PDB file of N, CA and C in Angstrom:
ATOM      1  N   UNK A   1      85.790  36.514  12.109  1.00  0.00           N
ATOM      2  CA  UNK A   1      85.422  35.670  11.110  1.00  0.00           C
ATOM      3  C   UNK A   1      84.852  36.349   9.888  1.00  0.00           C
ATOM      4  N   UNK A   2      85.413  37.403   9.443  1.00  0.00           N
ATOM      5  CA  UNK A   2      84.848  38.072   8.290  1.00  0.00           C
ATOM      6  C   UNK A   2      84.890  37.233   6.970  1.00  0.00           C
ATOM      7  N   UNK A   3      83.799  37.026   6.475  1.00  0.00           N
ATOM      8  CA  UNK A   3      83.627  36.359   5.070  1.00  0.00           C
ATOM      9  C   UNK A   3      83.427  37.507   4.129  1.00  0.00           C
ATOM     10  N   UNK A   4      84.388  37.683   3.161  1.00  0.00           N
ATOM     11  CA  UNK A   4      84.369  38.890   2.292  1.00  0.00           C
ATOM     12  C   UNK A   4      84.193  38.299   0.860  1.00  0.00           C
ATOM     13  N   UNK A   5      83.181  38.796   0.204  1.00  0.00           N
ATOM     14  CA  UNK A   5      82.960  38.476  -1.213  1.00  0.00           C
ATOM     15  C   UNK A   5      83.079  39.797  -2.019  1.00  0.00           C
ATOM     16  N   UNK A   6      83.871  39.663  -3.107  1.00  0.00           N
ATOM     17  CA  UNK A   6      84.050  40.706  -4.015  1.00  0.00           C
ATOM     18  C   UNK A   6      83.465  40.356  -5.374  1.00  0.00           C
ATOM     19  N   UNK A   7      82.289  40.924  -5.630  1.00  0.00           N
ATOM     20  CA  UNK A   7      81.689  40.674  -6.990  1.00  0.00           C
ATOM     21  C   UNK A   7      82.039  41.826  -7.960  1.00  0.00           C
ATOM     22  N   UNK A   8      82.425  41.506  -9.065  1.00  0.00           N
ATOM     23  CA  UNK A   8      82.903  42.603 -10.037  1.00  0.00           C
ATOM     24  C   UNK A   8      82.703  42.274 -11.437  1.00  0.00           C
ATOM     25  N   UNK A   9      82.551  43.277 -12.219  1.00  0.00           N
ATOM     26  CA  UNK A   9      82.303  43.038 -13.623  1.00  0.00           C
ATOM     27  C   UNK A   9      83.517  42.371 -14.266  1.00  0.00           C
ATOM     28  N   UNK A  10      83.304  41.507 -15.291  1.00  0.00           N
ATOM     29  CA  UNK A  10      84.392  40.876 -15.918  1.00  0.00           C
ATOM     30  C   UNK A  10      85.404  41.800 -16.548  1.00  0.00           C
ATOM     31  N   UNK A  11      84.947  43.032 -16.874  1.00  0.00           N
ATOM     32  CA  UNK A  11      85.892  43.938 -17.437  1.00  0.00           C
ATOM     33  C   UNK A  11      86.936  44.460 -16.458  1.00  0.00           C
ATOM     34  N   UNK A  12      86.719  44.138 -15.152  1.00  0.00           N
ATOM     35  CA  UNK A  12      87.712  44.550 -14.197  1.00  0.00           C
ATOM     36  C   UNK A  12      88.682  43.360 -13.842  1.00  0.00           C
ATOM     37  N   UNK A  13      88.560  42.284 -14.511  1.00  0.00           N
ATOM     38  CA  UNK A  13      89.417  41.021 -14.134  1.00  0.00           C
ATOM     39  C   UNK A  13      90.916  41.412 -14.154  1.00  0.00           C
ATOM     40  N   UNK A  14      91.345  42.087 -15.322  1.00  0.00           N
ATOM     41  CA  UNK A  14      92.766  42.365 -15.400  1.00  0.00           C
ATOM     42  C   UNK A  14      93.067  43.763 -14.709  1.00  0.00           C
ATOM     43  N   UNK A  15      92.194  44.469 -14.301  1.00  0.00           N
ATOM     44  CA  UNK A  15      92.457  45.839 -13.766  1.00  0.00           C
ATOM     45  C   UNK A  15      92.374  45.830 -12.217  1.00  0.00           C
ATOM     46  N   UNK A  16      91.967  44.701 -11.740  1.00  0.00           N
ATOM     47  CA  UNK A  16      91.828  44.573 -10.183  1.00  0.00           C
ATOM     48  C   UNK A  16      93.011  43.944  -9.624  1.00  0.00           C
ATOM     49  N   UNK A  17      93.604  44.561  -8.520  1.00  0.00           N
ATOM     50  CA  UNK A  17      94.720  44.000  -7.722  1.00  0.00           C
ATOM     51  C   UNK A  17      94.118  43.160  -6.642  1.00  0.00           C
ATOM     52  N   UNK A  18      93.903  41.879  -6.967  1.00  0.00           N
ATOM     53  CA  UNK A  18      93.171  41.016  -5.959  1.00  0.00           C
ATOM     54  C   UNK A  18      93.855  40.781  -4.707  1.00  0.00           C
ATOM     55  N   UNK A  19      95.215  40.616  -4.745  1.00  0.00           N
ATOM     56  CA  UNK A  19      95.912  40.379  -3.440  1.00  0.00           C
ATOM     57  C   UNK A  19      95.993  41.598  -2.625  1.00  0.00           C
ATOM     58  N   UNK A  20      96.193  42.755  -3.321  1.00  0.00           N
ATOM     59  CA  UNK A  20      96.304  44.002  -2.609  1.00  0.00           C
ATOM     60  C   UNK A  20      95.036  44.409  -2.016  1.00  0.00           C
ATOM     61  N   UNK A  21      93.935  44.203  -2.729  1.00  0.00           N
ATOM     62  CA  UNK A  21      92.588  44.541  -2.275  1.00  0.00           C
ATOM     63  C   UNK A  21      92.258  43.657  -1.088  1.00  0.00           C
ATOM     64  N   UNK A  22      92.480  42.402  -1.246  1.00  0.00           N
ATOM     65  CA  UNK A  22      92.148  41.402  -0.074  1.00  0.00           C
ATOM     66  C   UNK A  22      92.947  41.833   1.182  1.00  0.00           C
ATOM     67  N   UNK A  23      94.243  42.079   0.996  1.00  0.00           N
ATOM     68  CA  UNK A  23      95.028  42.544   2.190  1.00  0.00           C
ATOM     69  C   UNK A  23      94.507  43.780   2.809  1.00  0.00           C
ATOM     70  N   UNK A  24      94.177  44.774   2.052  1.00  0.00           N
ATOM     71  CA  UNK A  24      93.667  46.055   2.487  1.00  0.00           C
ATOM     72  C   UNK A  24      92.310  45.895   3.254  1.00  0.00           C
ATOM     73  N   UNK A  25      91.360  45.092   2.626  1.00  0.00           N
ATOM     74  CA  UNK A  25      90.139  44.879   3.352  1.00  0.00           C
ATOM     75  C   UNK A  25      90.420  44.013   4.647  1.00  0.00           C
ATOM     76  N   UNK A  26      91.312  43.060   4.578  1.00  0.00           N
ATOM     77  CA  UNK A  26      91.523  42.346   5.877  1.00  0.00           C
ATOM     78  C   UNK A  26      92.021  43.215   6.939  1.00  0.00           C
ATOM     79  N   UNK A  27      92.988  44.183   6.612  1.00  0.00           N
ATOM     80  CA  UNK A  27      93.453  45.130   7.521  1.00  0.00           C
ATOM     81  C   UNK A  27      92.424  46.049   8.078  1.00  0.00           C
ATOM     82  N   UNK A  28      91.470  46.433   7.281  1.00  0.00           N
ATOM     83  CA  UNK A  28      90.384  47.298   7.597  1.00  0.00           C
ATOM     84  C   UNK A  28      89.495  46.528   8.609  1.00  0.00           C
ATOM     85  N   UNK A  29      89.311  45.265   8.369  1.00  0.00           N
ATOM     86  CA  UNK A  29      88.524  44.396   9.437  1.00  0.00           C
ATOM     87  C   UNK A  29      89.210  44.395  10.751  1.00  0.00           C
ATOM     88  N   UNK A  30      90.487  44.349  10.760  1.00  0.00           N
ATOM     89  CA  UNK A  30      91.220  44.362  11.943  1.00  0.00           C
ATOM     90  C   UNK A  30      91.142  45.628  12.722  1.00  0.00           C
ATOM     91  N   UNK A  31      91.255  46.691  11.903  1.00  0.00           N
ATOM     92  CA  UNK A  31      91.261  48.010  12.515  1.00  0.00           C
ATOM     93  C   UNK A  31      89.849  48.459  12.968  1.00  0.00           C
ATOM     94  N   UNK A  32      88.892  48.150  12.152  1.00  0.00           N
ATOM     95  CA  UNK A  32      87.493  48.760  12.493  1.00  0.00           C
ATOM     96  C   UNK A  32      86.566  47.827  13.308  1.00  0.00           C
ATOM     97  N   UNK A  33      86.753  46.457  13.265  1.00  0.00           N
ATOM     98  CA  UNK A  33      85.910  45.547  13.916  1.00  0.00           C
ATOM     99  C   UNK A  33      86.645  44.494  14.709  1.00  0.00           C
ATOM    100  N   UNK A  34      87.826  44.662  15.009  1.00  0.00           N
ATOM    101  CA  UNK A  34      88.695  43.795  15.856  1.00  0.00           C
ATOM    102  C   UNK A  34      88.665  42.382  15.280  1.00  0.00           C
ATOM    103  N   UNK A  35      88.699  42.221  13.953  1.00  0.00           N
ATOM    104  CA  UNK A  35      88.839  40.888  13.463  1.00  0.00           C
ATOM    105  C   UNK A  35      90.373  40.436  13.561  1.00  0.00           C
ATOM    106  N   UNK A  36      90.645  39.214  13.332  1.00  0.00           N
ATOM    107  CA  UNK A  36      91.999  38.710  13.232  1.00  0.00           C
ATOM    108  C   UNK A  36      92.277  38.425  11.841  1.00  0.00           C
ATOM    109  N   UNK A  37      93.574  38.780  11.346  1.00  0.00           N
ATOM    110  CA  UNK A  37      93.963  38.498   9.981  1.00  0.00           C
ATOM    111  C   UNK A  37      93.678  36.996   9.553  1.00  0.00           C
ATOM    112  N   UNK A  38      94.128  36.021  10.407  1.00  0.00           N
ATOM    113  CA  UNK A  38      93.920  34.642   9.997  1.00  0.00           C
ATOM    114  C   UNK A  38      92.443  34.183   9.807  1.00  0.00           C
ATOM    115  N   UNK A  39      91.558  34.962  10.356  1.00  0.00           N
ATOM    116  CA  UNK A  39      90.087  34.616  10.296  1.00  0.00           C
ATOM    117  C   UNK A  39      89.485  35.257   9.025  1.00  0.00           C
ATOM    118  N   UNK A  40      90.138  36.186   8.386  1.00  0.00           N
ATOM    119  CA  UNK A  40      89.607  36.822   7.201  1.00  0.00           C
ATOM    120  C   UNK A  40      89.674  35.958   5.919  1.00  0.00           C
ATOM    121  N   UNK A  41      88.574  35.786   5.205  1.00  0.00           N
ATOM    122  CA  UNK A  41      88.578  34.985   4.024  1.00  0.00           C
ATOM    123  C   UNK A  41      87.783  35.792   2.955  1.00  0.00           C
ATOM    124  N   UNK A  42      88.565  35.917   1.760  1.00  0.00           N
ATOM    125  CA  UNK A  42      87.979  36.737   0.678  1.00  0.00           C
ATOM    126  C   UNK A  42      87.840  35.846  -0.512  1.00  0.00           C
ATOM    127  N   UNK A  43      86.707  35.978  -1.267  1.00  0.00           N
ATOM    128  CA  UNK A  43      86.491  35.305  -2.460  1.00  0.00           C
ATOM    129  C   UNK A  43      86.129  36.430  -3.500  1.00  0.00           C
ATOM    130  N   UNK A  44      86.785  36.254  -4.695  1.00  0.00           N
ATOM    131  CA  UNK A  44      86.572  37.181  -5.840  1.00  0.00           C
ATOM    132  C   UNK A  44      85.551  36.511  -6.838  1.00  0.00           C
ATOM    133  N   UNK A  45      84.602  37.175  -7.265  1.00  0.00           N
ATOM    134  CA  UNK A  45      83.680  36.560  -8.333  1.00  0.00           C
ATOM    135  C   UNK A  45      83.541  37.573  -9.389  1.00  0.00           C
ATOM    136  N   UNK A  46      83.832  37.079 -10.635  1.00  0.00           N
ATOM    137  CA  UNK A  46      83.737  37.858 -11.808  1.00  0.00           C
ATOM    138  C   UNK A  46      82.347  37.561 -12.484  1.00  0.00           C
ATOM    139  N   UNK A  47      81.538  38.693 -12.719  1.00  0.00           N
ATOM    140  CA  UNK A  47      80.250  38.511 -13.286  1.00  0.00           C
ATOM    141  C   UNK A  47      80.469  38.777 -14.820  1.00  0.00           C
ATOM    142  N   UNK A  48      79.956  37.870 -15.588  1.00  0.00           N
ATOM    143  CA  UNK A  48      80.044  37.957 -17.024  1.00  0.00           C
ATOM    144  C   UNK A  48      79.193  39.090 -17.485  1.00  0.00           C
ATOM    145  N   UNK A  49      78.093  39.335 -16.852  1.00  0.00           N
ATOM    146  CA  UNK A  49      77.282  40.435 -17.270  1.00  0.00           C
ATOM    147  C   UNK A  49      76.687  41.236 -16.153  1.00  0.00           C
ATOM    148  N   UNK A  50      76.488  42.518 -16.290  1.00  0.00           N
ATOM    149  CA  UNK A  50      75.793  43.343 -15.347  1.00  0.00           C
ATOM    150  C   UNK A  50      75.086  44.487 -16.022  1.00  0.00           C
ATOM    151  N   UNK A  51      73.996  44.859 -15.588  1.00  0.00           N
ATOM    152  CA  UNK A  51      73.213  45.953 -16.099  1.00  0.00           C
ATOM    153  C   UNK A  51      72.981  47.021 -15.053  1.00  0.00           C
ATOM    154  N   UNK A  52      73.279  48.212 -15.390  1.00  0.00           N
ATOM    155  CA  UNK A  52      72.970  49.330 -14.438  1.00  0.00           C
ATOM    156  C   UNK A  52      71.921  50.226 -15.108  1.00  0.00           C
ATOM    157  N   UNK A  53      70.874  50.555 -14.339  1.00  0.00           N
ATOM    158  CA  UNK A  53      69.862  51.481 -14.921  1.00  0.00           C
ATOM    159  C   UNK A  53      69.167  50.793 -16.121  1.00  0.00           C
ATOM    160  N   UNK A  54      68.981  51.534 -17.118  1.00  0.00           N
ATOM    161  CA  UNK A  54      68.296  51.052 -18.363  1.00  0.00           C
ATOM    162  C   UNK A  54      69.196  50.186 -19.277  1.00  0.00           C
ATOM    163  N   UNK A  55      70.442  50.112 -18.850  1.00  0.00           N
ATOM    164  CA  UNK A  55      71.419  49.225 -19.611  1.00  0.00           C
ATOM    165  C   UNK A  55      71.887  49.872 -20.926  1.00  0.00           C
ATOM    166  N   UNK A  56      71.568  51.114 -21.123  1.00  0.00           N
ATOM    167  CA  UNK A  56      71.910  51.817 -22.383  1.00  0.00           C
ATOM    168  C   UNK A  56      73.485  52.002 -22.464  1.00  0.00           C
ATOM    169  N   UNK A  57      74.149  52.136 -21.279  1.00  0.00           N
ATOM    170  CA  UNK A  57      75.621  52.359 -21.359  1.00  0.00           C
ATOM    171  C   UNK A  57      76.267  51.199 -20.567  1.00  0.00           C
ATOM    172  N   UNK A  58      77.436  50.593 -21.119  1.00  0.00           N
ATOM    173  CA  UNK A  58      78.107  49.616 -20.346  1.00  0.00           C
ATOM    174  C   UNK A  58      78.799  50.305 -19.085  1.00  0.00           C
ATOM    175  N   UNK A  59      78.602  49.701 -17.922  1.00  0.00           N
ATOM    176  CA  UNK A  59      79.129  50.204 -16.702  1.00  0.00           C
ATOM    177  C   UNK A  59      79.841  49.033 -15.978  1.00  0.00           C
ATOM    178  N   UNK A  60      80.980  49.401 -15.426  1.00  0.00           N
ATOM    179  CA  UNK A  60      81.705  48.460 -14.640  1.00  0.00           C
ATOM    180  C   UNK A  60      81.268  48.565 -13.163  1.00  0.00           C
ATOM    181  N   UNK A  61      81.122  47.455 -12.549  1.00  0.00           N
ATOM    182  CA  UNK A  61      80.667  47.436 -11.006  1.00  0.00           C
ATOM    183  C   UNK A  61      81.546  46.630 -10.254  1.00  0.00           C
ATOM    184  N   UNK A  62      81.682  47.062  -8.977  1.00  0.00           N
ATOM    185  CA  UNK A  62      82.485  46.324  -7.994  1.00  0.00           C
ATOM    186  C   UNK A  62      81.730  46.516  -6.665  1.00  0.00           C
ATOM    187  N   UNK A  63      81.306  45.294  -6.132  1.00  0.00           N
ATOM    188  CA  UNK A  63      80.564  45.333  -4.826  1.00  0.00           C
ATOM    189  C   UNK A  63      81.215  44.432  -3.858  1.00  0.00           C
ATOM    190  N   UNK A  64      81.535  44.915  -2.680  1.00  0.00           N
ATOM    191  CA  UNK A  64      82.129  44.168  -1.679  1.00  0.00           C
ATOM    192  C   UNK A  64      81.062  43.799  -0.531  1.00  0.00           C
ATOM    193  N   UNK A  65      80.960  42.619  -0.211  1.00  0.00           N
ATOM    194  CA  UNK A  65      80.060  42.246   1.016  1.00  0.00           C
ATOM    195  C   UNK A  65      80.930  41.606   1.968  1.00  0.00           C
ATOM    196  N   UNK A  66      80.827  42.143   3.267  1.00  0.00           N
ATOM    197  CA  UNK A  66      81.482  41.654   4.388  1.00  0.00           C
ATOM    198  C   UNK A  66      80.536  41.135   5.345  1.00  0.00           C
ATOM    199  N   UNK A  67      80.564  39.742   5.685  1.00  0.00           N
ATOM    200  CA  UNK A  67      79.693  39.215   6.593  1.00  0.00           C
ATOM    201  C   UNK A  67      80.467  38.841   7.968  1.00  0.00           C
ATOM    202  N   UNK A  68      79.940  39.325   9.051  1.00  0.00           N
ATOM    203  CA  UNK A  68      80.692  39.305  10.292  1.00  0.00           C
ATOM    204  C   UNK A  68      79.766  38.436  11.340  1.00  0.00           C
ATOM    205  N   UNK A  69      80.374  37.827  12.250  1.00  0.00           N
ATOM    206  CA  UNK A  69      79.672  37.253  13.422  1.00  0.00           C
ATOM    207  C   UNK A  69      78.979  38.470  14.132  1.00  0.00           C
ATOM    208  N   UNK A  70      77.844  38.306  14.679  1.00  0.00           N
ATOM    209  CA  UNK A  70      77.034  39.295  15.271  1.00  0.00           C
ATOM    210  C   UNK A  70      77.840  39.800  16.476  1.00  0.00           C
ATOM    211  N   UNK A  71      77.473  41.044  16.849  1.00  0.00           N
ATOM    212  CA  UNK A  71      78.127  41.639  18.058  1.00  0.00           C
ATOM    213  C   UNK A  71      78.701  42.969  17.817  1.00  0.00           C
ATOM    214  N   UNK A  72      78.916  43.387  16.504  1.00  0.00           N
ATOM    215  CA  UNK A  72      79.449  44.750  16.187  1.00  0.00           C
ATOM    216  C   UNK A  72      78.373  45.709  16.228  1.00  0.00           C
ATOM    217  N   UNK A  73      78.700  47.002  16.732  1.00  0.00           N
ATOM    218  CA  UNK A  73      77.709  47.970  16.691  1.00  0.00           C
ATOM    219  C   UNK A  73      77.464  48.445  15.106  1.00  0.00           C
ATOM    220  N   UNK A  74      76.359  49.083  14.947  1.00  0.00           N
ATOM    221  CA  UNK A  74      76.017  49.668  13.640  1.00  0.00           C
ATOM    222  C   UNK A  74      77.044  50.670  13.326  1.00  0.00           C
ATOM    223  N   UNK A  75      77.544  51.484  14.324  1.00  0.00           N
ATOM    224  CA  UNK A  75      78.605  52.425  14.016  1.00  0.00           C
ATOM    225  C   UNK A  75      79.864  51.835  13.426  1.00  0.00           C
ATOM    226  N   UNK A  76      80.304  50.685  14.131  1.00  0.00           N
ATOM    227  CA  UNK A  76      81.456  49.977  13.701  1.00  0.00           C
ATOM    228  C   UNK A  76      81.329  49.483  12.360  1.00  0.00           C
ATOM    229  N   UNK A  77      80.128  48.812  12.070  1.00  0.00           N
ATOM    230  CA  UNK A  77      79.925  48.299  10.709  1.00  0.00           C
ATOM    231  C   UNK A  77      79.972  49.383   9.642  1.00  0.00           C
ATOM    232  N   UNK A  78      79.295  50.522   9.960  1.00  0.00           N
ATOM    233  CA  UNK A  78      79.319  51.690   9.015  1.00  0.00           C
ATOM    234  C   UNK A  78      80.705  52.182   8.815  1.00  0.00           C
ATOM    235  N   UNK A  79      81.504  52.338   9.870  1.00  0.00           N
ATOM    236  CA  UNK A  79      82.841  52.772   9.781  1.00  0.00           C
ATOM    237  C   UNK A  79      83.683  51.818   8.882  1.00  0.00           C
ATOM    238  N   UNK A  80      83.463  50.584   8.972  1.00  0.00           N
ATOM    239  CA  UNK A  80      84.141  49.502   8.219  1.00  0.00           C
ATOM    240  C   UNK A  80      83.768  49.705   6.721  1.00  0.00           C
ATOM    241  N   UNK A  81      82.390  49.904   6.445  1.00  0.00           N
ATOM    242  CA  UNK A  81      81.959  50.134   5.108  1.00  0.00           C
ATOM    243  C   UNK A  81      82.578  51.304   4.449  1.00  0.00           C
ATOM    244  N   UNK A  82      82.593  52.417   5.127  1.00  0.00           N
ATOM    245  CA  UNK A  82      83.254  53.710   4.675  1.00  0.00           C
ATOM    246  C   UNK A  82      84.704  53.504   4.419  1.00  0.00           C
ATOM    247  N   UNK A  83      85.421  52.836   5.221  1.00  0.00           N
ATOM    248  CA  UNK A  83      86.795  52.613   5.088  1.00  0.00           C
ATOM    249  C   UNK A  83      87.054  51.764   3.810  1.00  0.00           C
ATOM    250  N   UNK A  84      86.385  50.726   3.657  1.00  0.00           N
ATOM    251  CA  UNK A  84      86.528  49.843   2.489  1.00  0.00           C
ATOM    252  C   UNK A  84      86.172  50.546   1.277  1.00  0.00           C
ATOM    253  N   UNK A  85      84.997  51.180   1.186  1.00  0.00           N
ATOM    254  CA  UNK A  85      84.688  51.989   0.027  1.00  0.00           C
ATOM    255  C   UNK A  85      85.747  53.019  -0.331  1.00  0.00           C
ATOM    256  N   UNK A  86      86.390  53.589   0.628  1.00  0.00           N
ATOM    257  CA  UNK A  86      87.416  54.591   0.227  1.00  0.00           C
ATOM    258  C   UNK A  86      88.669  53.935  -0.191  1.00  0.00           C
ATOM    259  N   UNK A  87      88.916  52.653   0.039  1.00  0.00           N
ATOM    260  CA  UNK A  87      90.196  52.071  -0.436  1.00  0.00           C
ATOM    261  C   UNK A  87      90.121  51.380  -1.735  1.00  0.00           C
ATOM    262  N   UNK A  88      88.893  51.069  -2.197  1.00  0.00           N
ATOM    263  CA  UNK A  88      88.702  50.523  -3.488  1.00  0.00           C
ATOM    264  C   UNK A  88      89.415  51.064  -4.701  1.00  0.00           C
ATOM    265  N   UNK A  89      89.228  52.355  -4.932  1.00  0.00           N
ATOM    266  CA  UNK A  89      89.861  52.902  -6.208  1.00  0.00           C
ATOM    267  C   UNK A  89      91.358  52.634  -6.217  1.00  0.00           C
ATOM    268  N   UNK A  90      92.059  52.669  -5.159  1.00  0.00           N
ATOM    269  CA  UNK A  90      93.476  52.418  -5.104  1.00  0.00           C
ATOM    270  C   UNK A  90      93.931  51.024  -5.624  1.00  0.00           C
ATOM    271  N   UNK A  91      92.961  50.087  -5.741  1.00  0.00           N
ATOM    272  CA  UNK A  91      93.215  48.733  -6.188  1.00  0.00           C
ATOM    273  C   UNK A  91      92.613  48.423  -7.464  1.00  0.00           C
ATOM    274  N   UNK A  92      92.224  49.405  -8.291  1.00  0.00           N
ATOM    275  CA  UNK A  92      91.664  49.274  -9.608  1.00  0.00           C
ATOM    276  C   UNK A  92      92.498  50.159 -10.542  1.00  0.00           C
ATOM    277  N   UNK A  93      93.075  49.579 -11.544  1.00  0.00           N
ATOM    278  CA  UNK A  93      93.692  50.410 -12.632  1.00  0.00           C
ATOM    279  C   UNK A  93      92.671  51.184 -13.233  1.00  0.00           C
ATOM    280  N   UNK A  94      92.822  52.422 -13.452  1.00  0.00           N
ATOM    281  CA  UNK A  94      91.837  53.437 -13.996  1.00  0.00           C
ATOM    282  C   UNK A  94      90.372  53.183 -13.538  1.00  0.00           C
ATOM    283  N   UNK A  95      90.244  53.568 -12.221  1.00  0.00           N
ATOM    284  CA  UNK A  95      88.980  53.452 -11.627  1.00  0.00           C
ATOM    285  C   UNK A  95      87.843  54.380 -12.015  1.00  0.00           C
ATOM    286  N   UNK A  96      88.079  55.367 -12.736  1.00  0.00           N
ATOM    287  CA  UNK A  96      87.075  56.322 -13.142  1.00  0.00           C
ATOM    288  C   UNK A  96      85.853  55.642 -13.728  1.00  0.00           C
ATOM    289  N   UNK A  97      84.729  56.053 -13.202  1.00  0.00           N
ATOM    290  CA  UNK A  97      83.475  55.478 -13.734  1.00  0.00           C
ATOM    291  C   UNK A  97      83.005  54.266 -13.212  1.00  0.00           C
ATOM    292  N   UNK A  98      83.908  53.490 -12.390  1.00  0.00           N
ATOM    293  CA  UNK A  98      83.422  52.246 -11.881  1.00  0.00           C
ATOM    294  C   UNK A  98      82.437  52.496 -10.644  1.00  0.00           C
ATOM    295  N   UNK A  99      81.305  51.834 -10.622  1.00  0.00           N
ATOM    296  CA  UNK A  99      80.301  51.928  -9.628  1.00  0.00           C
ATOM    297  C   UNK A  99      80.745  50.994  -8.516  1.00  0.00           C
ATOM    298  N   UNK A 100      81.002  51.658  -7.264  1.00  0.00           N
ATOM    299  CA  UNK A 100      81.562  50.899  -6.095  1.00  0.00           C
ATOM    300  C   UNK A 100      80.556  50.900  -5.075  1.00  0.00           C
ATOM    301  N   UNK A 101      80.450  49.848  -4.353  1.00  0.00           N
ATOM    302  CA  UNK A 101      79.541  49.700  -3.200  1.00  0.00           C
ATOM    303  C   UNK A 101      80.143  48.633  -2.134  1.00  0.00           C
ATOM    304  N   UNK A 102      79.640  48.825  -0.924  1.00  0.00           N
ATOM    305  CA  UNK A 102      80.056  47.979   0.133  1.00  0.00           C
ATOM    306  C   UNK A 102      78.861  47.703   1.033  1.00  0.00           C
ATOM    307  N   UNK A 103      78.675  46.459   1.440  1.00  0.00           N
ATOM    308  CA  UNK A 103      77.667  46.090   2.448  1.00  0.00           C
ATOM    309  C   UNK A 103      78.381  45.324   3.527  1.00  0.00           C
ATOM    310  N   UNK A 104      78.132  45.766   4.811  1.00  0.00           N
ATOM    311  CA  UNK A 104      78.588  44.955   5.895  1.00  0.00           C
ATOM    312  C   UNK A 104      77.395  44.493   6.674  1.00  0.00           C
ATOM    313  N   UNK A 105      77.300  43.178   6.972  1.00  0.00           N
ATOM    314  CA  UNK A 105      76.149  42.541   7.601  1.00  0.00           C
ATOM    315  C   UNK A 105      76.530  41.511   8.578  1.00  0.00           C
ATOM    316  N   UNK A 106      75.658  41.137   9.310  1.00  0.00           N
ATOM    317  CA  UNK A 106      75.834  39.992  10.391  1.00  0.00           C
ATOM    318  C   UNK A 106      75.541  38.720   9.626  1.00  0.00           C
ATOM    319  N   UNK A 107      76.323  37.766  10.094  1.00  0.00           N
ATOM    320  CA  UNK A 107      76.052  36.353   9.568  1.00  0.00           C
ATOM    321  C   UNK A 107      74.754  35.881  10.295  1.00  0.00           C
ATOM    322  N   UNK A 108      74.059  34.943   9.704  1.00  0.00           N
ATOM    323  CA  UNK A 108      72.917  34.325  10.308  1.00  0.00           C
ATOM    324  C   UNK A 108      73.387  33.517  11.569  1.00  0.00           C
ATOM    325  N   UNK A 109      72.635  33.530  12.642  1.00  0.00           N
ATOM    326  CA  UNK A 109      73.006  32.835  13.804  1.00  0.00           C
ATOM    327  C   UNK A 109      73.263  31.337  13.603  1.00  0.00           C
ATOM    328  N   UNK A 110      72.696  30.785  12.520  1.00  0.00           N
ATOM    329  CA  UNK A 110      72.809  29.418  12.159  1.00  0.00           C
ATOM    330  C   UNK A 110      74.087  29.038  11.435  1.00  0.00           C
ATOM    331  N   UNK A 111      74.872  30.076  11.135  1.00  0.00           N
ATOM    332  CA  UNK A 111      76.260  29.977  10.443  1.00  0.00           C
ATOM    333  C   UNK A 111      77.091  29.034  11.204  1.00  0.00           C
ATOM    334  N   UNK A 112      77.784  28.086  10.474  1.00  0.00           N
ATOM    335  CA  UNK A 112      78.788  27.307  11.069  1.00  0.00           C
ATOM    336  C   UNK A 112      79.935  27.157  10.091  1.00  0.00           C
ATOM    337  N   UNK A 113      81.107  26.815  10.625  1.00  0.00           N
ATOM    338  CA  UNK A 113      82.212  26.577   9.718  1.00  0.00           C
ATOM    339  C   UNK A 113      83.123  25.563  10.396  1.00  0.00           C
ATOM    340  N   UNK A 114      83.956  24.961   9.600  1.00  0.00           N
ATOM    341  CA  UNK A 114      84.850  23.958   9.997  1.00  0.00           C
ATOM    342  C   UNK A 114      86.023  23.932   9.100  1.00  0.00           C
ATOM    343  N   UNK A 115      87.147  23.312   9.532  1.00  0.00           N
ATOM    344  CA  UNK A 115      88.296  23.121   8.661  1.00  0.00           C
ATOM    345  C   UNK A 115      88.286  21.476   8.626  1.00  0.00           C
ATOM    346  N   UNK A 116      88.285  21.037   7.310  1.00  0.00           N
ATOM    347  CA  UNK A 116      88.255  19.580   7.154  1.00  0.00           C
ATOM    348  C   UNK A 116      89.582  18.997   7.314  1.00  0.00           C
TER     349      UNK A 116
END
């Protein structure tokens, strides 16, 4: 049940391969934490503004958060984070200088979902 959120600078809207990135992250979740492709859900959010450091220079940012049901080891979550971090540049046109980050965390035990 990976819930994947990709937050990125608006300047990456046209440079980001949304479908390719989602597919690659979904596959990484299968390979590293035994997720199932049909359970992977990715949402992309474009941020109109972001500030890095003192804000003196414009910087593009891309952050991926992967929320999993509890039960994966810290090693498995770290391996997933490293894998996803490594695949991000391949899905950005001209990735030089983009600040990349990945967080893998457990969902709160109160998390619930349903299909209406």
